[in-house]
């Protein structure tokens, strides 16, 4: 049988990269207080790059400045849009991070996903994500009662010490577990309750015995029938 390829991850067709990056640029600007610095236009330029469908780019940029914690005039907004059209656009995640000075610590704190970082490159971020996901999955397995990976059967391989296959070892383990369960079920504490005189009050199916219900047992009924037959007159 050929190797079955892993299912492809479905893309979210409703995802808008431009909208997401605009929000993350605003988050970063507010986080570091960019509006109070001389480099504030840098975040506005980046925001304008990812707002290509604006009907009124000047008004949109002025509103974006307010969300970043600052304020610009219409003339300033016009000048920023002109400067943004001249500067080479930063389309990749890491180039945009270098343009804004976004660090990995800031990225993690703000939950930024579409912009890179200046101190941790793309490949390193992928390794860190994989490690984080692996630790998360291990935590989930341990919460469900699974043993740590160092103590798992795949690592310890107890069947090799007994010179048998894993399937044979598991079959012996299943038999031993079944025997242990049967022994514990037949312990003296699991016997049916009996009255003080020793007579069984209930049958194995849980119904009361004939003696407990005031009815003759099979042996008693046979004796009574024999006595009655003996007292009847015989025919010649």
C-alpha atoms as a PDB file:
ATOM      1  CA  UNK A   1       0.000   0.000   0.000  1.00  0.00           C
ATOM      2  CA  UNK A   2       1.427   3.365  -0.978  1.00  0.00           C
ATOM      3  CA  UNK A   3       2.091   6.167   1.435  1.00  0.00           C
ATOM      4  CA  UNK A   4      -0.974   8.276   2.139  1.00  0.00           C
ATOM      5  CA  UNK A   5      -0.129  11.982   1.959  1.00  0.00           C
ATOM      6  CA  UNK A   6      -1.069  14.178   4.902  1.00  0.00           C
ATOM      7  CA  UNK A   7      -4.202  16.262   4.364  1.00  0.00           C
ATOM      8  CA  UNK A   8      -3.485  19.776   3.238  1.00  0.00           C
ATOM      9  CA  UNK A   9      -4.269  22.583   5.597  1.00  0.00           C
ATOM     10  CA  UNK A  10      -7.297  24.464   4.377  1.00  0.00           C
ATOM     11  CA  UNK A  11      -6.735  28.128   3.715  1.00  0.00           C
ATOM     12  CA  UNK A  12      -9.027  30.743   5.109  1.00  0.00           C
ATOM     13  CA  UNK A  13     -10.234  32.514   1.990  1.00  0.00           C
ATOM     14  CA  UNK A  14     -11.766  35.269   4.126  1.00  0.00           C
ATOM     15  CA  UNK A  15      -8.348  36.258   5.517  1.00  0.00           C
ATOM     16  CA  UNK A  16      -7.286  39.784   4.507  1.00  0.00           C
ATOM     17  CA  UNK A  17      -3.528  40.313   4.898  1.00  0.00           C
ATOM     18  CA  UNK A  18      -3.757  44.077   4.359  1.00  0.00           C
ATOM     19  CA  UNK A  19      -6.380  44.519   7.069  1.00  0.00           C
ATOM     20  CA  UNK A  20      -4.477  42.279   9.493  1.00  0.00           C
ATOM     21  CA  UNK A  21      -1.202  44.100   9.010  1.00  0.00           C
ATOM     22  CA  UNK A  22      -2.827  47.506   9.440  1.00  0.00           C
ATOM     23  CA  UNK A  23      -4.165  46.404  12.808  1.00  0.00           C
ATOM     24  CA  UNK A  24      -0.783  45.033  13.858  1.00  0.00           C
ATOM     25  CA  UNK A  25       0.996  48.245  12.823  1.00  0.00           C
ATOM     26  CA  UNK A  26      -1.411  50.215  15.007  1.00  0.00           C
ATOM     27  CA  UNK A  27      -0.814  47.797  17.914  1.00  0.00           C
ATOM     28  CA  UNK A  28       2.957  48.193  17.671  1.00  0.00           C
ATOM     29  CA  UNK A  29       2.777  51.973  17.362  1.00  0.00           C
ATOM     30  CA  UNK A  30       0.606  52.260  20.484  1.00  0.00           C
ATOM     31  CA  UNK A  31       2.761  49.777  22.393  1.00  0.00           C
ATOM     32  CA  UNK A  32       6.017  51.706  21.952  1.00  0.00           C
ATOM     33  CA  UNK A  33       4.447  55.173  21.940  1.00  0.00           C
ATOM     34  CA  UNK A  34       5.490  55.924  18.352  1.00  0.00           C
ATOM     35  CA  UNK A  35       3.191  58.972  18.200  1.00  0.00           C
ATOM     36  CA  UNK A  36       5.454  60.769  20.694  1.00  0.00           C
ATOM     37  CA  UNK A  37       8.593  60.256  18.608  1.00  0.00           C
ATOM     38  CA  UNK A  38      10.026  61.931  15.525  1.00  0.00           C
ATOM     39  CA  UNK A  39       9.730  58.644  13.628  1.00  0.00           C
ATOM     40  CA  UNK A  40       5.933  58.573  13.858  1.00  0.00           C
ATOM     41  CA  UNK A  41       5.514  59.002  10.066  1.00  0.00           C
ATOM     42  CA  UNK A  42       7.296  55.670   9.622  1.00  0.00           C
ATOM     43  CA  UNK A  43       4.270  53.759  11.044  1.00  0.00           C
ATOM     44  CA  UNK A  44       1.886  55.914   9.035  1.00  0.00           C
ATOM     45  CA  UNK A  45       3.785  55.168   5.846  1.00  0.00           C
ATOM     46  CA  UNK A  46       3.671  51.439   6.563  1.00  0.00           C
ATOM     47  CA  UNK A  47      -0.034  51.669   7.361  1.00  0.00           C
ATOM     48  CA  UNK A  48      -0.681  53.489   4.088  1.00  0.00           C
ATOM     49  CA  UNK A  49       1.123  50.777   2.110  1.00  0.00           C
ATOM     50  CA  UNK A  50      -1.446  48.242   3.267  1.00  0.00           C
ATOM     51  CA  UNK A  51      -4.456  50.447   2.591  1.00  0.00           C
ATOM     52  CA  UNK A  52      -4.564  50.329  -1.219  1.00  0.00           C
ATOM     53  CA  UNK A  53      -8.360  50.307  -1.583  1.00  0.00           C
ATOM     54  CA  UNK A  54      -9.103  53.441   0.431  1.00  0.00           C
ATOM     55  CA  UNK A  55     -11.571  55.813  -1.207  1.00  0.00           C
ATOM     56  CA  UNK A  56     -10.139  58.758   0.736  1.00  0.00           C
ATOM     57  CA  UNK A  57      -6.529  57.962   1.607  1.00  0.00           C
ATOM     58  CA  UNK A  58      -5.923  61.308   3.354  1.00  0.00           C
ATOM     59  CA  UNK A  59      -8.873  60.969   5.715  1.00  0.00           C
ATOM     60  CA  UNK A  60      -8.083  57.272   6.370  1.00  0.00           C
ATOM     61  CA  UNK A  61      -4.501  58.134   7.323  1.00  0.00           C
ATOM     62  CA  UNK A  62      -5.626  60.871   9.708  1.00  0.00           C
ATOM     63  CA  UNK A  63      -7.965  58.397  11.425  1.00  0.00           C
ATOM     64  CA  UNK A  64      -5.164  55.828  11.630  1.00  0.00           C
ATOM     65  CA  UNK A  65      -2.953  58.404  13.366  1.00  0.00           C
ATOM     66  CA  UNK A  66      -5.669  58.861  16.007  1.00  0.00           C
ATOM     67  CA  UNK A  67      -5.824  55.106  16.633  1.00  0.00           C
ATOM     68  CA  UNK A  68      -2.045  55.120  17.101  1.00  0.00           C
ATOM     69  CA  UNK A  69      -2.386  57.746  19.802  1.00  0.00           C
ATOM     70  CA  UNK A  70      -1.359  60.771  17.755  1.00  0.00           C
ATOM     71  CA  UNK A  71      -2.787  63.436  15.471  1.00  0.00           C
ATOM     72  CA  UNK A  72      -1.805  64.795  12.071  1.00  0.00           C
ATOM     73  CA  UNK A  73      -3.197  67.526   9.852  1.00  0.00           C
ATOM     74  CA  UNK A  74      -4.562  67.058   6.372  1.00  0.00           C
ATOM     75  CA  UNK A  75      -1.423  68.612   4.909  1.00  0.00           C
ATOM     76  CA  UNK A  76       0.779  66.239   6.898  1.00  0.00           C
ATOM     77  CA  UNK A  77      -1.312  63.272   5.778  1.00  0.00           C
ATOM     78  CA  UNK A  78      -0.958  64.369   2.165  1.00  0.00           C
ATOM     79  CA  UNK A  79       2.814  64.627   2.510  1.00  0.00           C
ATOM     80  CA  UNK A  80       3.018  61.173   4.113  1.00  0.00           C
ATOM     81  CA  UNK A  81       1.048  59.556   1.272  1.00  0.00           C
ATOM     82  CA  UNK A  82       3.402  61.148  -1.271  1.00  0.00           C
ATOM     83  CA  UNK A  83       6.447  59.927   0.653  1.00  0.00           C
ATOM     84  CA  UNK A  84       4.953  56.448   0.891  1.00  0.00           C
ATOM     85  CA  UNK A  85       4.616  56.299  -2.878  1.00  0.00           C
ATOM     86  CA  UNK A  86       8.316  57.120  -3.313  1.00  0.00           C
ATOM     87  CA  UNK A  87       9.832  54.806  -0.683  1.00  0.00           C
ATOM     88  CA  UNK A  88      10.328  51.184  -1.677  1.00  0.00           C
ATOM     89  CA  UNK A  89       7.522  49.154  -0.121  1.00  0.00           C
ATOM     90  CA  UNK A  90       8.319  46.465   2.428  1.00  0.00           C
ATOM     91  CA  UNK A  91       6.131  43.517   1.461  1.00  0.00           C
ATOM     92  CA  UNK A  92       7.859  40.670   3.297  1.00  0.00           C
ATOM     93  CA  UNK A  93       7.307  40.116   7.014  1.00  0.00           C
ATOM     94  CA  UNK A  94      10.958  40.563   8.015  1.00  0.00           C
ATOM     95  CA  UNK A  95      11.526  43.645   5.829  1.00  0.00           C
ATOM     96  CA  UNK A  96       8.505  45.316   7.385  1.00  0.00           C
ATOM     97  CA  UNK A  97       9.805  44.389  10.846  1.00  0.00           C
ATOM     98  CA  UNK A  98      13.142  46.042  10.069  1.00  0.00           C
ATOM     99  CA  UNK A  99      11.350  49.147   8.801  1.00  0.00           C
ATOM    100  CA  UNK A 100       9.384  49.418  12.069  1.00  0.00           C
ATOM    101  CA  UNK A 101      12.043  48.038  14.427  1.00  0.00           C
ATOM    102  CA  UNK A 102       9.756  45.274  15.723  1.00  0.00           C
ATOM    103  CA  UNK A 103      11.500  42.853  18.127  1.00  0.00           C
ATOM    104  CA  UNK A 104      10.554  39.227  18.786  1.00  0.00           C
ATOM    105  CA  UNK A 105       9.621  40.019  22.396  1.00  0.00           C
ATOM    106  CA  UNK A 106       7.235  42.733  21.218  1.00  0.00           C
ATOM    107  CA  UNK A 107       5.854  40.365  18.613  1.00  0.00           C
ATOM    108  CA  UNK A 108       5.066  37.752  21.251  1.00  0.00           C
ATOM    109  CA  UNK A 109       3.601  40.265  23.688  1.00  0.00           C
ATOM    110  CA  UNK A 110       1.250  41.775  21.117  1.00  0.00           C
ATOM    111  CA  UNK A 111       0.380  38.494  19.405  1.00  0.00           C
ATOM    112  CA  UNK A 112       1.567  39.749  16.012  1.00  0.00           C
ATOM    113  CA  UNK A 113       1.485  37.094  13.289  1.00  0.00           C
ATOM    114  CA  UNK A 114       1.997  38.762   9.902  1.00  0.00           C
ATOM    115  CA  UNK A 115       5.076  40.879  10.703  1.00  0.00           C
ATOM    116  CA  UNK A 116       8.485  39.344  11.402  1.00  0.00           C
ATOM    117  CA  UNK A 117      11.114  40.510  13.876  1.00  0.00           C
ATOM    118  CA  UNK A 118      14.531  42.107  13.720  1.00  0.00           C
ATOM    119  CA  UNK A 119      16.283  39.738  16.155  1.00  0.00           C
ATOM    120  CA  UNK A 120      14.729  36.316  15.353  1.00  0.00           C
ATOM    121  CA  UNK A 121      14.599  35.297  11.698  1.00  0.00           C
ATOM    122  CA  UNK A 122      11.861  33.369   9.914  1.00  0.00           C
ATOM    123  CA  UNK A 123      13.488  29.936  10.183  1.00  0.00           C
ATOM    124  CA  UNK A 124      14.215  30.387  13.876  1.00  0.00           C
ATOM    125  CA  UNK A 125      10.631  31.498  14.508  1.00  0.00           C
ATOM    126  CA  UNK A 126       9.394  28.323  12.823  1.00  0.00           C
ATOM    127  CA  UNK A 127      11.572  26.180  15.102  1.00  0.00           C
ATOM    128  CA  UNK A 128      10.286  28.023  18.152  1.00  0.00           C
ATOM    129  CA  UNK A 129       6.676  27.542  17.029  1.00  0.00           C
ATOM    130  CA  UNK A 130       7.244  23.815  16.541  1.00  0.00           C
ATOM    131  CA  UNK A 131       8.851  23.508  19.972  1.00  0.00           C
ATOM    132  CA  UNK A 132       5.995  25.424  21.586  1.00  0.00           C
ATOM    133  CA  UNK A 133       3.422  23.218  19.865  1.00  0.00           C
ATOM    134  CA  UNK A 134       5.287  20.051  20.897  1.00  0.00           C
ATOM    135  CA  UNK A 135       5.335  21.127  24.559  1.00  0.00           C
ATOM    136  CA  UNK A 136       1.651  21.992  24.358  1.00  0.00           C
ATOM    137  CA  UNK A 137       0.749  18.593  22.919  1.00  0.00           C
ATOM    138  CA  UNK A 138       2.853  16.799  25.552  1.00  0.00           C
ATOM    139  CA  UNK A 139       1.051  18.742  28.269  1.00  0.00           C
ATOM    140  CA  UNK A 140      -2.308  17.687  26.845  1.00  0.00           C
ATOM    141  CA  UNK A 141      -1.264  14.018  26.727  1.00  0.00           C
ATOM    142  CA  UNK A 142      -0.029  14.101  30.322  1.00  0.00           C
ATOM    143  CA  UNK A 143      -3.276  15.761  31.418  1.00  0.00           C
ATOM    144  CA  UNK A 144      -5.129  12.790  29.895  1.00  0.00           C
ATOM    145  CA  UNK A 145      -2.976  10.364  31.908  1.00  0.00           C
ATOM    146  CA  UNK A 146      -0.329   9.465  29.350  1.00  0.00           C
ATOM    147  CA  UNK A 147       3.195   8.712  30.565  1.00  0.00           C
ATOM    148  CA  UNK A 148       6.083  11.031  29.737  1.00  0.00           C
ATOM    149  CA  UNK A 149       7.822  10.230  26.488  1.00  0.00           C
ATOM    150  CA  UNK A 150      10.946   8.998  28.331  1.00  0.00           C
ATOM    151  CA  UNK A 151       8.821   6.323  30.072  1.00  0.00           C
ATOM    152  CA  UNK A 152       6.741   5.265  27.071  1.00  0.00           C
ATOM    153  CA  UNK A 153       6.781   1.698  25.781  1.00  0.00           C
ATOM    154  CA  UNK A 154       8.312   2.812  22.512  1.00  0.00           C
ATOM    155  CA  UNK A 155      11.424   3.885  24.414  1.00  0.00           C
ATOM    156  CA  UNK A 156      11.653   1.261  27.169  1.00  0.00           C
ATOM    157  CA  UNK A 157      10.709  -1.745  24.942  1.00  0.00           C
ATOM    158  CA  UNK A 158      10.303  -4.314  27.779  1.00  0.00           C
ATOM    159  CA  UNK A 159       9.631  -7.144  25.290  1.00  0.00           C
ATOM    160  CA  UNK A 160      13.214  -7.042  24.070  1.00  0.00           C
ATOM    161  CA  UNK A 161      14.495  -8.040  27.524  1.00  0.00           C
ATOM    162  CA  UNK A 162      12.255 -11.137  27.338  1.00  0.00           C
ATOM    163  CA  UNK A 163      13.320 -12.011  23.782  1.00  0.00           C
ATOM    164  CA  UNK A 164       9.807 -11.792  22.381  1.00  0.00           C
ATOM    165  CA  UNK A 165       7.917  -9.625  19.961  1.00  0.00           C
ATOM    166  CA  UNK A 166       5.857  -6.678  21.102  1.00  0.00           C
ATOM    167  CA  UNK A 167       2.641  -8.380  19.993  1.00  0.00           C
ATOM    168  CA  UNK A 168       3.406 -11.487  22.062  1.00  0.00           C
ATOM    169  CA  UNK A 169       4.321  -9.363  25.080  1.00  0.00           C
ATOM    170  CA  UNK A 170       1.084  -7.400  24.820  1.00  0.00           C
ATOM    171  CA  UNK A 171      -0.915 -10.644  24.546  1.00  0.00           C
ATOM    172  CA  UNK A 172       0.663 -11.933  27.787  1.00  0.00           C
ATOM    173  CA  UNK A 173      -0.022  -8.600  29.463  1.00  0.00           C
ATOM    174  CA  UNK A 174      -3.689  -8.756  28.463  1.00  0.00           C
ATOM    175  CA  UNK A 175      -4.026 -12.311  29.830  1.00  0.00           C
ATOM    176  CA  UNK A 176      -2.391 -11.341  33.108  1.00  0.00           C
ATOM    177  CA  UNK A 177      -4.654  -8.328  33.488  1.00  0.00           C
ATOM    178  CA  UNK A 178      -7.727 -10.471  32.800  1.00  0.00           C
ATOM    179  CA  UNK A 179      -6.629 -13.062  35.410  1.00  0.00           C
ATOM    180  CA  UNK A 180      -5.997 -10.374  38.014  1.00  0.00           C
ATOM    181  CA  UNK A 181      -9.430  -8.893  37.384  1.00  0.00           C
ATOM    182  CA  UNK A 182     -11.100 -12.318  37.783  1.00  0.00           C
ATOM    183  CA  UNK A 183      -9.285 -13.020  41.064  1.00  0.00           C
ATOM    184  CA  UNK A 184     -10.231  -9.676  42.538  1.00  0.00           C
ATOM    185  CA  UNK A 185     -13.873 -10.210  41.490  1.00  0.00           C
ATOM    186  CA  UNK A 186     -14.029 -13.623  43.255  1.00  0.00           C
ATOM    187  CA  UNK A 187     -12.633 -12.388  46.576  1.00  0.00           C
ATOM    188  CA  UNK A 188     -14.471 -13.182  49.809  1.00  0.00           C
ATOM    189  CA  UNK A 189     -15.871  -9.677  49.989  1.00  0.00           C
ATOM    190  CA  UNK A 190     -17.760 -10.235  46.704  1.00  0.00           C
ATOM    191  CA  UNK A 191     -19.734 -13.330  47.840  1.00  0.00           C
ATOM    192  CA  UNK A 192     -23.537 -13.275  48.006  1.00  0.00           C
ATOM    193  CA  UNK A 193     -25.017 -12.340  51.355  1.00  0.00           C
ATOM    194  CA  UNK A 194     -26.447 -15.262  53.434  1.00  0.00           C
ATOM    195  CA  UNK A 195     -28.618 -15.220  56.590  1.00  0.00           C
ATOM    196  CA  UNK A 196     -27.244 -16.081  60.041  1.00  0.00           C
ATOM    197  CA  UNK A 197     -28.435 -19.675  59.765  1.00  0.00           C
ATOM    198  CA  UNK A 198     -26.456 -20.211  56.589  1.00  0.00           C
ATOM    199  CA  UNK A 199     -29.428 -20.631  54.233  1.00  0.00           C
ATOM    200  CA  UNK A 200     -29.217 -18.685  50.985  1.00  0.00           C
ATOM    201  CA  UNK A 201     -31.882 -15.994  50.901  1.00  0.00           C
ATOM    202  CA  UNK A 202     -31.470 -14.950  47.315  1.00  0.00           C
ATOM    203  CA  UNK A 203     -30.830 -16.882  44.162  1.00  0.00           C
ATOM    204  CA  UNK A 204     -27.956 -16.188  41.799  1.00  0.00           C
ATOM    205  CA  UNK A 205     -30.255 -14.095  39.633  1.00  0.00           C
ATOM    206  CA  UNK A 206     -31.186 -11.821  42.498  1.00  0.00           C
ATOM    207  CA  UNK A 207     -34.679 -13.268  43.240  1.00  0.00           C
ATOM    208  CA  UNK A 208     -35.647 -14.408  46.727  1.00  0.00           C
ATOM    209  CA  UNK A 209     -35.531 -18.147  47.311  1.00  0.00           C
ATOM    210  CA  UNK A 210     -38.670 -20.233  47.649  1.00  0.00           C
ATOM    211  CA  UNK A 211     -38.090 -20.671  51.421  1.00  0.00           C
ATOM    212  CA  UNK A 212     -37.846 -16.867  51.827  1.00  0.00           C
ATOM    213  CA  UNK A 213     -41.101 -16.408  49.902  1.00  0.00           C
ATOM    214  CA  UNK A 214     -42.922 -19.052  52.029  1.00  0.00           C
ATOM    215  CA  UNK A 215     -42.997 -21.622  49.238  1.00  0.00           C
ATOM    216  CA  UNK A 216     -41.698 -25.190  49.501  1.00  0.00           C
ATOM    217  CA  UNK A 217     -38.489 -25.986  47.809  1.00  0.00           C
ATOM    218  CA  UNK A 218     -38.254 -28.671  45.108  1.00  0.00           C
ATOM    219  CA  UNK A 219     -37.035 -31.293  47.602  1.00  0.00           C
ATOM    220  CA  UNK A 220     -39.705 -30.409  50.186  1.00  0.00           C
ATOM    221  CA  UNK A 221     -42.448 -30.525  47.594  1.00  0.00           C
ATOM    222  CA  UNK A 222     -41.339 -34.001  46.503  1.00  0.00           C
ATOM    223  CA  UNK A 223     -41.451 -35.292  50.104  1.00  0.00           C
ATOM    224  CA  UNK A 224     -44.913 -33.857  50.694  1.00  0.00           C
ATOM    225  CA  UNK A 225     -46.234 -35.434  47.494  1.00  0.00           C
ATOM    226  CA  UNK A 226     -44.865 -38.851  48.529  1.00  0.00           C
ATOM    227  CA  UNK A 227     -46.493 -38.649  51.988  1.00  0.00           C
ATOM    228  CA  UNK A 228     -49.847 -37.703  50.506  1.00  0.00           C
ATOM    229  CA  UNK A 229     -49.655 -40.606  48.046  1.00  0.00           C
ATOM    230  CA  UNK A 230     -48.893 -43.041  50.868  1.00  0.00           C
ATOM    231  CA  UNK A 231     -52.050 -42.109  52.812  1.00  0.00           C
ATOM    232  CA  UNK A 232     -54.376 -42.663  49.862  1.00  0.00           C
ATOM    233  CA  UNK A 233     -56.309 -46.027  49.845  1.00  0.00           C
ATOM    234  CA  UNK A 234     -55.071 -48.540  47.378  1.00  0.00           C
ATOM    235  CA  UNK A 235     -57.321 -50.134  44.830  1.00  0.00           C
ATOM    236  CA  UNK A 236     -57.764 -53.918  44.679  1.00  0.00           C
END
